[in-house]
Protein backbone atom coordinates (compact mmCIF):
# COMPACT_ATOMS: atom_id res chain seq x y z
CA MET A 1 155.57 153.48 49.79
CA ASN A 2 155.81 152.41 46.12
CA LYS A 3 155.89 155.63 44.03
CA LYS A 4 154.27 153.78 41.07
CA ALA A 5 151.32 152.77 43.25
CA THR A 6 150.66 156.39 44.36
CA ALA A 7 151.34 158.11 41.03
CA GLY A 8 148.31 159.53 39.28
CA VAL A 9 146.78 157.71 36.31
CA ASN A 10 144.78 158.79 33.30
CA VAL A 11 141.95 156.55 32.13
CA GLY A 12 140.59 156.57 28.60
CA VAL A 13 137.20 155.21 27.76
CA ASP A 14 135.91 154.44 24.29
CA VAL A 15 132.18 154.52 24.69
CA GLY A 16 129.82 152.36 22.63
CA LYS A 17 126.14 151.62 22.83
CA THR A 18 126.83 148.10 24.16
CA PHE A 19 130.43 148.04 25.42
CA LEU A 20 132.93 150.32 27.15
CA ASP A 21 136.59 149.82 26.25
CA ILE A 22 138.78 151.13 29.05
CA TYR A 23 142.56 151.74 29.21
CA ILE A 24 144.88 153.08 31.92
CA HIS A 25 147.73 154.96 30.21
CA GLU A 26 150.28 154.73 32.97
CA ARG A 27 149.63 151.00 33.80
CA ASP A 28 148.98 149.54 30.39
CA ARG A 29 145.76 147.98 31.78
CA TYR A 30 142.73 147.25 29.53
CA TRP A 31 139.12 146.26 30.23
CA GLN A 32 136.10 145.71 28.15
CA ILE A 33 132.81 145.82 30.03
CA GLU A 34 129.17 146.15 29.10
CA ASN A 35 127.62 149.62 29.17
CA THR A 36 125.28 148.73 32.05
CA ARG A 37 124.88 149.99 35.59
CA SER A 38 126.02 146.73 37.19
CA ASP A 39 129.18 146.29 35.09
CA ILE A 40 130.13 149.95 35.51
CA GLY A 41 129.65 149.71 39.24
CA LYS A 42 131.94 146.67 39.49
CA TRP A 43 134.58 148.44 37.38
CA ILE A 44 134.43 151.60 39.49
CA LYS A 45 135.19 149.50 42.61
CA ALA A 46 138.20 148.05 40.79
CA ILE A 47 139.50 151.45 39.61
CA ARG A 48 139.40 152.93 43.10
CA ARG A 49 142.68 151.24 44.03
CA PHE A 50 144.40 153.62 41.59
CA ASN A 51 145.09 157.32 42.18
CA VAL A 52 142.88 158.53 39.29
CA GLU A 53 143.72 161.98 37.96
CA ARG A 54 141.01 161.92 35.31
CA VAL A 55 138.68 159.60 33.40
CA VAL A 56 138.47 160.85 29.78
CA MET A 57 135.72 160.00 27.36
CA GLU A 58 134.41 161.45 24.14
CA ALA A 59 130.99 162.98 23.72
CA THR A 60 129.07 160.29 21.86
CA GLY A 61 125.49 161.50 21.71
CA ARG A 62 124.48 160.43 25.21
CA TYR A 63 125.80 156.82 25.28
CA GLU A 64 128.37 158.16 27.80
CA ARG A 65 125.66 159.57 30.07
CA LEU A 66 125.34 156.51 32.44
CA LEU A 67 129.08 156.21 32.90
CA TYR A 68 129.42 159.92 33.56
CA GLU A 69 126.69 159.97 36.18
CA LEU A 70 128.08 156.90 38.00
CA LEU A 71 131.57 158.32 38.04
CA VAL A 72 130.33 161.64 39.39
CA GLU A 73 128.33 159.77 42.12
CA ALA A 74 131.49 157.92 43.02
CA GLY A 75 133.42 161.17 43.31
CA LEU A 76 135.91 160.36 40.54
CA PRO A 77 137.27 163.11 38.27
CA VAL A 78 135.77 162.82 34.78
CA VAL A 79 136.13 164.80 31.56
CA ILE A 80 134.00 164.65 28.41
CA VAL A 81 136.04 165.89 25.46
CA ASN A 82 135.29 166.83 21.91
CA PRO A 83 135.94 163.84 19.61
CA ARG A 84 137.48 166.22 17.04
CA ASN A 85 140.30 167.11 19.50
CA VAL A 86 141.09 163.44 20.06
CA ARG A 87 141.19 162.74 16.36
CA ARG A 88 143.55 165.71 15.78
CA TYR A 89 145.77 164.29 18.51
CA ALA A 90 145.73 160.93 16.81
CA GLY A 91 146.78 162.54 13.54
CA ALA A 92 149.63 164.39 15.20
CA ALA A 93 150.74 161.16 16.87
CA GLY A 94 150.61 159.26 13.54
CA GLN A 95 147.90 156.87 14.89
CA LEU A 96 146.11 155.51 11.81
CA ALA A 97 144.72 152.22 13.12
CA LYS A 98 141.28 152.32 14.65
CA THR A 99 139.73 149.66 16.86
CA ASP A 100 137.84 150.05 20.13
CA LYS A 101 140.92 149.12 22.16
CA VAL A 102 143.17 151.42 20.16
CA ASP A 103 140.71 154.23 20.59
CA ALA A 104 140.58 153.71 24.38
CA LYS A 105 144.39 153.71 24.48
CA LEU A 106 144.47 156.89 22.36
CA ILE A 107 141.98 158.70 24.60
CA ALA A 108 144.01 157.76 27.66
CA ALA A 109 147.16 159.07 26.04
CA PHE A 110 145.33 162.25 25.13
CA GLY A 111 144.36 162.71 28.75
CA ALA A 112 147.90 162.16 29.98
CA VAL A 113 149.51 164.49 27.45
CA MET A 114 146.94 167.19 26.98
CA GLN A 115 145.59 167.04 30.57
CA PRO A 116 142.11 168.46 29.82
CA GLU A 117 140.71 170.36 32.75
CA VAL A 118 138.44 168.52 35.16
CA LEU A 119 135.41 170.78 35.57
CA PRO A 120 133.05 170.72 38.64
CA PRO A 121 130.51 167.96 38.04
CA GLU A 122 127.03 168.85 36.84
CA SER A 123 124.24 168.61 39.38
CA LYS A 124 121.20 166.47 38.67
CA ILE A 125 119.00 169.55 38.22
CA GLN A 126 121.56 170.99 35.74
CA ARG A 127 121.46 167.78 33.75
CA GLN A 128 117.66 167.83 33.82
CA ILE A 129 117.55 171.41 32.47
CA LYS A 130 120.14 170.55 29.75
CA ASP A 131 117.91 167.58 28.76
CA LEU A 132 114.85 169.86 28.63
CA LEU A 133 116.73 172.38 26.51
CA ALA A 134 117.81 169.65 24.15
CA ARG A 135 114.22 168.42 23.87
CA ARG A 136 113.08 172.00 23.14
CA ARG A 137 115.60 172.25 20.28
CA GLN A 138 114.36 168.94 18.88
CA VAL A 139 110.74 170.05 18.90
CA MET A 140 111.60 173.48 17.45
CA THR A 141 113.48 171.69 14.66
CA MET A 142 110.46 169.49 13.83
CA ARG A 143 108.21 172.59 13.90
CA THR A 144 110.44 174.40 11.44
CA MET A 145 110.50 171.36 9.17
CA GLU A 146 106.70 171.12 9.17
CA LEU A 147 106.34 174.89 8.48
CA ASN A 148 108.67 174.50 5.47
CA ARG A 149 106.84 171.44 4.16
CA ALA A 150 103.50 173.27 4.51
CA LYS A 151 104.75 175.87 2.04
CA ILE A 152 105.42 173.41 -0.74
CA MET A 153 102.82 170.68 -0.30
CA PRO A 154 99.35 170.66 -1.88
CA LYS A 155 96.41 172.29 -0.08
CA ALA A 156 94.96 168.87 0.63
CA PHE A 157 97.70 168.40 3.31
CA GLN A 158 97.45 171.83 4.94
CA ALA A 159 95.03 170.74 7.66
CA ASP A 160 97.42 167.91 8.61
CA TYR A 161 100.33 170.35 8.90
CA ARG A 162 98.28 172.86 10.90
CA ARG A 163 97.21 170.11 13.31
CA HIS A 164 100.79 168.83 13.76
CA ILE A 165 102.22 172.31 14.21
CA LYS A 166 99.56 173.13 16.82
CA PHE A 167 100.56 169.92 18.67
CA LEU A 168 104.23 170.89 18.51
CA ASP A 169 103.40 174.41 19.86
CA LYS A 170 101.69 172.79 22.86
CA GLU A 171 104.76 170.53 23.36
CA ILE A 172 107.07 173.57 23.36
CA GLU A 173 104.81 175.20 25.86
CA ARG A 174 104.88 172.12 28.09
CA VAL A 175 108.70 171.92 27.93
CA ASP A 176 108.94 175.63 28.80
CA GLN A 177 106.78 175.06 31.85
CA LYS A 178 109.05 172.20 32.97
CA LEU A 179 112.13 174.42 32.44
CA ASP A 180 110.55 177.17 34.51
CA LYS A 181 109.73 174.75 37.31
CA ALA A 182 113.24 173.30 37.29
CA VAL A 183 114.93 176.71 37.57
CA LYS A 184 112.61 177.84 40.31
CA SER A 185 113.48 174.71 42.32
CA GLU A 186 117.00 176.12 42.83
CA GLU A 187 117.01 179.51 44.68
CA LEU A 188 120.41 180.50 43.34
CA TRP A 189 119.42 179.71 39.78
CA ARG A 190 116.10 181.52 40.15
CA ALA A 191 117.91 184.62 41.39
CA LYS A 192 120.50 184.42 38.63
CA ARG A 193 117.79 184.11 35.96
CA GLU A 194 115.94 187.16 37.35
CA GLN A 195 119.29 189.05 37.35
CA LEU A 196 119.98 188.21 33.67
CA GLU A 197 116.43 189.01 32.62
CA THR A 198 116.82 192.60 33.72
CA VAL A 199 118.83 193.11 30.49
CA PRO A 200 116.54 194.25 27.64
CA GLY A 201 116.55 191.55 24.99
CA VAL A 202 117.34 188.70 27.42
CA GLY A 203 114.38 186.40 27.96
CA LYS A 204 113.86 183.29 29.96
CA LEU A 205 115.20 181.02 27.25
CA LEU A 206 118.61 182.72 27.00
CA ALA A 207 118.86 183.12 30.76
CA THR A 208 118.03 179.45 31.34
CA THR A 209 120.44 178.36 28.55
CA LEU A 210 123.25 180.43 30.10
CA ILE A 211 122.61 178.91 33.53
CA ALA A 212 122.65 175.32 32.31
CA GLU A 213 125.02 175.41 29.33
CA LEU A 214 127.45 178.12 30.47
CA PRO A 215 128.13 177.61 34.20
CA GLU A 216 131.45 179.44 33.78
CA LEU A 217 129.55 182.72 33.32
CA GLY A 218 130.83 185.21 35.81
CA SER A 219 134.13 183.38 36.55
CA LEU A 220 136.06 184.24 33.35
CA ASN A 221 137.52 187.36 31.92
CA PRO A 222 135.93 189.03 28.85
CA LYS A 223 138.24 187.34 26.29
CA GLU A 224 137.79 183.86 27.85
CA ILE A 225 133.98 184.05 28.08
CA ALA A 226 133.75 185.32 24.43
CA ALA A 227 135.97 182.52 23.19
CA LEU A 228 134.00 179.91 25.17
CA VAL A 229 130.76 180.99 23.55
CA GLY A 230 132.44 181.20 20.13
CA VAL A 231 132.05 184.96 19.43
CA ALA A 232 135.70 185.93 19.76
CA PRO A 233 137.37 186.62 16.42
CA PHE A 234 140.64 184.73 15.84
CA ASN A 235 143.54 185.97 13.71
CA ARG A 236 144.50 184.26 10.45
CA ASP A 237 147.89 185.82 9.74
CA SER A 238 151.00 184.27 8.20
CA GLY A 239 154.06 186.18 7.01
CA MET A 240 152.82 189.09 4.97
CA LEU A 241 149.31 187.70 4.81
CA ARG A 242 146.65 189.33 6.94
CA GLY A 243 143.57 187.16 6.74
CA LYS A 244 140.02 187.94 7.83
CA ARG A 245 139.28 187.54 11.54
CA ARG A 246 136.69 184.84 12.06
CA ILE A 247 134.87 183.36 15.03
CA LYS A 248 135.51 179.68 15.61
CA GLY A 249 134.51 176.89 17.97
CA GLY A 250 132.64 177.58 21.13
CA ARG A 251 129.31 176.28 22.46
CA ALA A 252 126.91 176.24 19.57
CA GLN A 253 123.76 175.87 21.71
CA VAL A 254 124.60 178.98 23.66
CA ARG A 255 125.66 180.92 20.57
CA THR A 256 122.37 180.15 18.68
CA ILE A 257 120.19 181.45 21.50
CA LEU A 258 122.45 184.46 22.07
CA TYR A 259 122.18 185.28 18.39
CA MET A 260 118.38 185.48 18.57
CA ALA A 261 118.52 187.51 21.80
CA THR A 262 120.97 189.98 20.31
CA LEU A 263 118.75 190.51 17.31
CA SER A 264 116.04 191.49 19.70
CA ALA A 265 118.51 193.68 21.67
CA THR A 266 119.44 195.66 18.55
CA ILE A 267 115.85 196.99 18.69
CA HIS A 268 114.99 197.03 22.40
CA ASN A 269 118.32 197.53 24.15
CA SER A 270 119.65 201.09 23.76
CA MET A 271 123.27 200.08 24.49
CA ILE A 272 123.35 197.22 21.91
CA ARG A 273 121.28 199.18 19.44
CA ASP A 274 123.69 202.15 19.52
CA PHE A 275 126.76 199.87 19.33
CA TYR A 276 125.33 197.91 16.42
CA SER A 277 124.22 201.06 14.51
CA ARG A 278 127.63 202.68 14.99
CA LEU A 279 129.46 199.69 13.56
CA VAL A 280 127.10 199.57 10.54
CA SER A 281 127.50 203.29 9.94
CA GLU A 282 131.25 202.82 9.96
CA GLY A 283 130.92 200.39 7.09
CA LYS A 284 130.99 197.07 8.91
CA HIS A 285 128.94 194.28 7.36
CA ARG A 286 125.67 193.75 9.31
CA LYS A 287 126.70 190.16 10.18
CA VAL A 288 130.03 191.37 11.52
CA ALA A 289 128.29 194.12 13.51
CA LEU A 290 125.81 191.60 14.91
CA THR A 291 128.61 189.21 15.94
CA ALA A 292 130.42 192.08 17.70
CA SER A 293 127.14 192.92 19.42
CA MET A 294 126.83 189.30 20.59
CA ARG A 295 130.25 189.51 22.08
CA LYS A 296 129.42 192.78 23.86
CA MET A 297 126.20 191.21 25.20
CA ILE A 298 127.87 188.11 26.67
CA VAL A 299 130.73 190.18 28.16
CA VAL A 300 128.25 192.49 29.94
CA LEU A 301 126.21 189.49 31.17
CA ASN A 302 129.45 187.94 32.44
CA ALA A 303 130.38 191.07 34.30
CA MET A 304 126.89 191.33 35.89
CA VAL A 305 127.07 187.79 37.23
CA ARG A 306 130.68 188.33 38.39
CA ASP A 307 129.83 191.51 40.29
CA GLY A 308 126.31 190.53 41.39
CA THR A 309 124.82 193.60 39.69
CA TYR A 310 121.66 194.22 37.69
CA TRP A 311 121.14 196.03 34.35
CA GLY A 312 121.91 199.69 34.81
CA GLU A 313 124.25 199.06 37.73
CA CYS A 314 127.00 197.43 35.59
CA ASP A 315 129.88 199.59 34.24
CA VAL A 316 129.65 198.63 30.57
CA LYS A 317 133.02 200.19 29.62
CA GLN A 318 134.81 198.41 32.42
CA ALA A 319 133.01 195.09 31.61
CA ALA A 320 134.19 195.18 28.01
């Protein structure tokens, strides 16, 4: 059998609102198709004759959603990567030109060289929950903006703001109800949320966010889960210089909700409260102490899911 025919290929896709530019790194093959269900379906039939190792595309603000879903339905390995990582790769490769075809070729090369991990595909219910969480963030942002405007605008507008804020509160309540219903529809997710909610300071929002946005919870070690969330401090040392340790990267959506939950935990959770207070008493800045508390919180939650334990049953020292 022809070795070239059976060798794995890496496919790069430059996603646009109207078109998809597609390139196979190992075959020097290029397509441009419309970003529609029918064109994508025809292309998937054509790509099946290759041994596809991964189809790589950038996160583009949801224009990649249709392609991702159809590839998952077809059982093909697909990876959505951070555009920043591809641009850094382009800089290292000295690639300055930028067209749709060049970008597709660059993404395919990135996939072949860097070999980003192909994660288990998201289920439909997981994508639905992520959509609802995104909608909740949007409505919360609008509510915050209206509250800020109400503080600076004349009294003649206050009734308008109160009316709109009341409407947004009802919208948030409606989204929360849909989230609750979606989680309860999956027995495993319902059980996991109940498990996480046994931790003082962890409410439904954080538990639901962790289930949808952090499916790796329980499968990684403490350092890995902290880095994935973005609460692991990284060294900044060079020669004789010893720079400040700073958190970097990670999943911002998870970290934002974890921050709010940890603030609550510093009051209502004795373990987090004592840990936070000790760091502050030792001279740590309150923000540094809170970040360390966030790390401790996510590490304990990770250990609980890993071991199938509830709050009070988890060995905190062993977890950290």
